[in-house]
Amino acid sequence: MSTEMDPIVGNWYQHIDQGLDFEVVAIDEQTTSVEIQYLDGTLDEISLEDWYELNLDPAEPPEDWTGPLDHVEADDTDFTEPDVEDDEWEEPGAGPARRRSHRDGLADDPPPEGLGGDWDE
């Protein structure tokens, strides 16, 4: 049995004959191919012609979407914004004024002698 469903990037499908779920990750119209990724991260490419010969059903995205990703900790999947109030943010470089010493140098200072190189501006 073949499918009449068009491949849609981001949609999940189940290959009924193999019992494998996969997501369509890209469609290359120039080569008329469909790029798919299985839950374990394996990538595959099939021709659009072969796509319509597959026995497919729509599938729900898996609950554990981290399958194809390497080394994802459980804490990494639950992003929360930091509890910082707007008035606690500082502009970059804003901080207490620092006293300059003779070692800091100035942008207008001449280059040190004897170091070589091209110091022309």
C-alpha atoms as a PDB file:
ATOM      1  CA  MET A   1       0.000   0.000   0.000  1.00  0.00           C
ATOM      2  CA  SER A   2       1.340   3.425  -0.839  1.00  0.00           C
ATOM      3  CA  THR A   3       0.767   6.807   0.730  1.00  0.00           C
ATOM      4  CA  GLU A   4      -0.943   9.818  -0.720  1.00  0.00           C
ATOM      5  CA  MET A   5       0.395  12.121   2.025  1.00  0.00           C
ATOM      6  CA  ASP A   6       2.825  14.792   0.957  1.00  0.00           C
ATOM      7  CA  PRO A   7       5.958  15.088   3.068  1.00  0.00           C
ATOM      8  CA  ILE A   8       5.831  18.143   5.332  1.00  0.00           C
ATOM      9  CA  VAL A   9       8.945  19.422   7.093  1.00  0.00           C
ATOM     10  CA  GLY A  10       8.521  19.111  10.854  1.00  0.00           C
ATOM     11  CA  ASN A  11       5.820  16.445  10.670  1.00  0.00           C
ATOM     12  CA  TRP A  12       6.297  12.952  12.085  1.00  0.00           C
ATOM     13  CA  TYR A  13       5.347   9.783  10.244  1.00  0.00           C
ATOM     14  CA  GLN A  14       5.419   6.074  11.017  1.00  0.00           C
ATOM     15  CA  HIS A  15       6.763   3.611   8.473  1.00  0.00           C
ATOM     16  CA  ILE A  16       4.173   0.912   9.092  1.00  0.00           C
ATOM     17  CA  ASP A  17       6.158  -1.944   7.508  1.00  0.00           C
ATOM     18  CA  GLN A  18       9.217  -1.224   9.691  1.00  0.00           C
ATOM     19  CA  GLY A  19       7.452   0.212  12.737  1.00  0.00           C
ATOM     20  CA  LEU A  20       9.809   3.192  12.802  1.00  0.00           C
ATOM     21  CA  ASP A  21       8.842   6.777  13.492  1.00  0.00           C
ATOM     22  CA  PHE A  22      10.689   9.581  11.751  1.00  0.00           C
ATOM     23  CA  GLU A  23      10.504  13.313  11.147  1.00  0.00           C
ATOM     24  CA  VAL A  24      10.793  15.028   7.782  1.00  0.00           C
ATOM     25  CA  VAL A  25      13.670  17.492   8.262  1.00  0.00           C
ATOM     26  CA  ALA A  26      14.061  18.838   4.722  1.00  0.00           C
ATOM     27  CA  ILE A  27      12.748  18.566   1.196  1.00  0.00           C
ATOM     28  CA  ASP A  28      15.185  19.214  -1.620  1.00  0.00           C
ATOM     29  CA  GLU A  29      13.183  20.251  -4.632  1.00  0.00           C
ATOM     30  CA  GLN A  30      16.221  20.277  -6.923  1.00  0.00           C
ATOM     31  CA  THR A  31      17.058  16.635  -6.305  1.00  0.00           C
ATOM     32  CA  THR A  32      13.425  15.738  -5.518  1.00  0.00           C
ATOM     33  CA  SER A  33      14.456  14.034  -2.300  1.00  0.00           C
ATOM     34  CA  VAL A  34      13.094  13.964   1.234  1.00  0.00           C
ATOM     35  CA  GLU A  35      15.500  14.061   4.169  1.00  0.00           C
ATOM     36  CA  ILE A  36      14.257  12.275   7.276  1.00  0.00           C
ATOM     37  CA  GLN A  37      15.575  11.720  10.773  1.00  0.00           C
ATOM     38  CA  TYR A  38      14.684   8.758  12.945  1.00  0.00           C
ATOM     39  CA  LEU A  39      14.211   9.096  16.697  1.00  0.00           C
ATOM     40  CA  ASP A  40      17.693   7.695  17.353  1.00  0.00           C
ATOM     41  CA  GLY A  41      19.226  10.508  15.287  1.00  0.00           C
ATOM     42  CA  THR A  42      19.917   8.526  12.135  1.00  0.00           C
ATOM     43  CA  LEU A  43      19.515  10.624   9.002  1.00  0.00           C
ATOM     44  CA  ASP A  44      18.275   9.203   5.738  1.00  0.00           C
ATOM     45  CA  GLU A  45      17.331  10.515   2.334  1.00  0.00           C
ATOM     46  CA  ILE A  46      14.728   9.048   0.038  1.00  0.00           C
ATOM     47  CA  SER A  47      13.518  10.099  -3.361  1.00  0.00           C
ATOM     48  CA  LEU A  48      10.155  11.781  -3.596  1.00  0.00           C
ATOM     49  CA  GLU A  49       9.089   8.989  -5.920  1.00  0.00           C
ATOM     50  CA  ASP A  50       9.959   6.393  -3.247  1.00  0.00           C
ATOM     51  CA  TRP A  51       8.163   8.484  -0.596  1.00  0.00           C
ATOM     52  CA  TYR A  52       4.822   7.871  -2.286  1.00  0.00           C
ATOM     53  CA  GLU A  53       5.516   4.120  -2.419  1.00  0.00           C
ATOM     54  CA  LEU A  54       5.983   3.880   1.384  1.00  0.00           C
ATOM     55  CA  ASN A  55       3.264   2.598   3.689  1.00  0.00           C
ATOM     56  CA  LEU A  56       3.018   5.569   6.083  1.00  0.00           C
ATOM     57  CA  ASP A  57       0.742   6.882   8.789  1.00  0.00           C
ATOM     58  CA  PRO A  58       0.950  10.260  10.492  1.00  0.00           C
ATOM     59  CA  ALA A  59       2.616   9.984  13.901  1.00  0.00           C
ATOM     60  CA  GLU A  60       2.716  12.114  17.018  1.00  0.00           C
ATOM     61  CA  PRO A  61       6.036  13.720  17.919  1.00  0.00           C
ATOM     62  CA  PRO A  62       7.773  11.691  20.614  1.00  0.00           C
ATOM     63  CA  GLU A  63       7.601  12.832  24.224  1.00  0.00           C
ATOM     64  CA  ASP A  64      11.386  12.502  24.508  1.00  0.00           C
ATOM     65  CA  TRP A  65      12.582  14.789  21.708  1.00  0.00           C
ATOM     66  CA  THR A  66      16.203  14.541  22.930  1.00  0.00           C
ATOM     67  CA  GLY A  67      16.741  11.159  21.243  1.00  0.00           C
ATOM     68  CA  PRO A  68      18.834  12.457  18.319  1.00  0.00           C
ATOM     69  CA  LEU A  69      20.825  14.854  20.521  1.00  0.00           C
ATOM     70  CA  ASP A  70      24.067  13.857  22.199  1.00  0.00           C
ATOM     71  CA  HIS A  71      24.615  14.319  25.919  1.00  0.00           C
ATOM     72  CA  VAL A  72      21.523  16.259  26.911  1.00  0.00           C
ATOM     73  CA  GLU A  73      21.047  16.454  30.649  1.00  0.00           C
ATOM     74  CA  ALA A  74      17.503  16.548  32.014  1.00  0.00           C
ATOM     75  CA  ASP A  75      18.181  19.996  33.475  1.00  0.00           C
ATOM     76  CA  ASP A  76      19.055  21.298  29.996  1.00  0.00           C
ATOM     77  CA  THR A  77      15.532  20.728  28.715  1.00  0.00           C
ATOM     78  CA  ASP A  78      13.787  22.914  31.309  1.00  0.00           C
ATOM     79  CA  PHE A  79      15.029  26.409  30.570  1.00  0.00           C
ATOM     80  CA  THR A  80      13.792  29.121  32.876  1.00  0.00           C
ATOM     81  CA  GLU A  81      14.711  32.754  32.695  1.00  0.00           C
ATOM     82  CA  PRO A  82      16.807  34.115  35.538  1.00  0.00           C
ATOM     83  CA  ASP A  83      15.058  36.032  38.310  1.00  0.00           C
ATOM     84  CA  VAL A  84      16.689  39.374  37.617  1.00  0.00           C
ATOM     85  CA  GLU A  85      14.725  42.581  37.850  1.00  0.00           C
ATOM     86  CA  ASP A  86      15.119  45.218  35.135  1.00  0.00           C
ATOM     87  CA  ASP A  87      16.709  47.653  37.565  1.00  0.00           C
ATOM     88  CA  GLU A  88      19.375  45.061  38.458  1.00  0.00           C
ATOM     89  CA  TRP A  89      20.828  44.971  34.945  1.00  0.00           C
ATOM     90  CA  GLU A  90      23.869  47.108  34.301  1.00  0.00           C
ATOM     91  CA  GLU A  91      25.123  48.531  31.053  1.00  0.00           C
ATOM     92  CA  PRO A  92      28.241  46.800  29.723  1.00  0.00           C
ATOM     93  CA  GLY A  93      31.324  48.474  31.107  1.00  0.00           C
ATOM     94  CA  ALA A  94      29.339  50.194  33.816  1.00  0.00           C
ATOM     95  CA  GLY A  95      31.098  49.653  37.039  1.00  0.00           C
ATOM     96  CA  PRO A  96      33.062  51.551  39.572  1.00  0.00           C
ATOM     97  CA  ALA A  97      35.555  53.939  38.065  1.00  0.00           C
ATOM     98  CA  ARG A  98      39.057  52.519  38.088  1.00  0.00           C
ATOM     99  CA  ARG A  99      42.044  54.622  38.817  1.00  0.00           C
ATOM    100  CA  ARG A 100      44.668  54.499  36.080  1.00  0.00           C
ATOM    101  CA  SER A 101      48.250  53.849  36.877  1.00  0.00           C
ATOM    102  CA  HIS A 102      51.352  54.551  34.808  1.00  0.00           C
ATOM    103  CA  ARG A 103      51.323  50.884  33.724  1.00  0.00           C
ATOM    104  CA  ASP A 104      47.932  51.139  31.999  1.00  0.00           C
ATOM    105  CA  GLY A 105      49.285  53.344  29.200  1.00  0.00           C
ATOM    106  CA  LEU A 106      47.202  55.526  26.960  1.00  0.00           C
ATOM    107  CA  ALA A 107      45.942  54.974  23.463  1.00  0.00           C
ATOM    108  CA  ASP A 108      47.937  58.012  22.365  1.00  0.00           C
ATOM    109  CA  ASP A 109      51.188  56.762  23.912  1.00  0.00           C
ATOM    110  CA  PRO A 110      53.961  56.022  21.425  1.00  0.00           C
ATOM    111  CA  PRO A 111      54.809  52.339  20.967  1.00  0.00           C
ATOM    112  CA  PRO A 112      57.596  50.925  23.101  1.00  0.00           C
ATOM    113  CA  GLU A 113      60.998  51.074  21.471  1.00  0.00           C
ATOM    114  CA  GLY A 114      62.878  47.996  20.371  1.00  0.00           C
ATOM    115  CA  LEU A 115      59.882  45.670  19.978  1.00  0.00           C
ATOM    116  CA  GLY A 116      59.951  45.644  16.179  1.00  0.00           C
ATOM    117  CA  GLY A 117      56.862  45.314  14.059  1.00  0.00           C
ATOM    118  CA  ASP A 118      54.952  47.967  12.163  1.00  0.00           C
ATOM    119  CA  TRP A 119      53.420  50.449  14.563  1.00  0.00           C
ATOM    120  CA  ASP A 120      52.060  52.862  11.946  1.00  0.00           C
ATOM    121  CA  GLU A 121      48.422  53.674  12.404  1.00  0.00           C
END
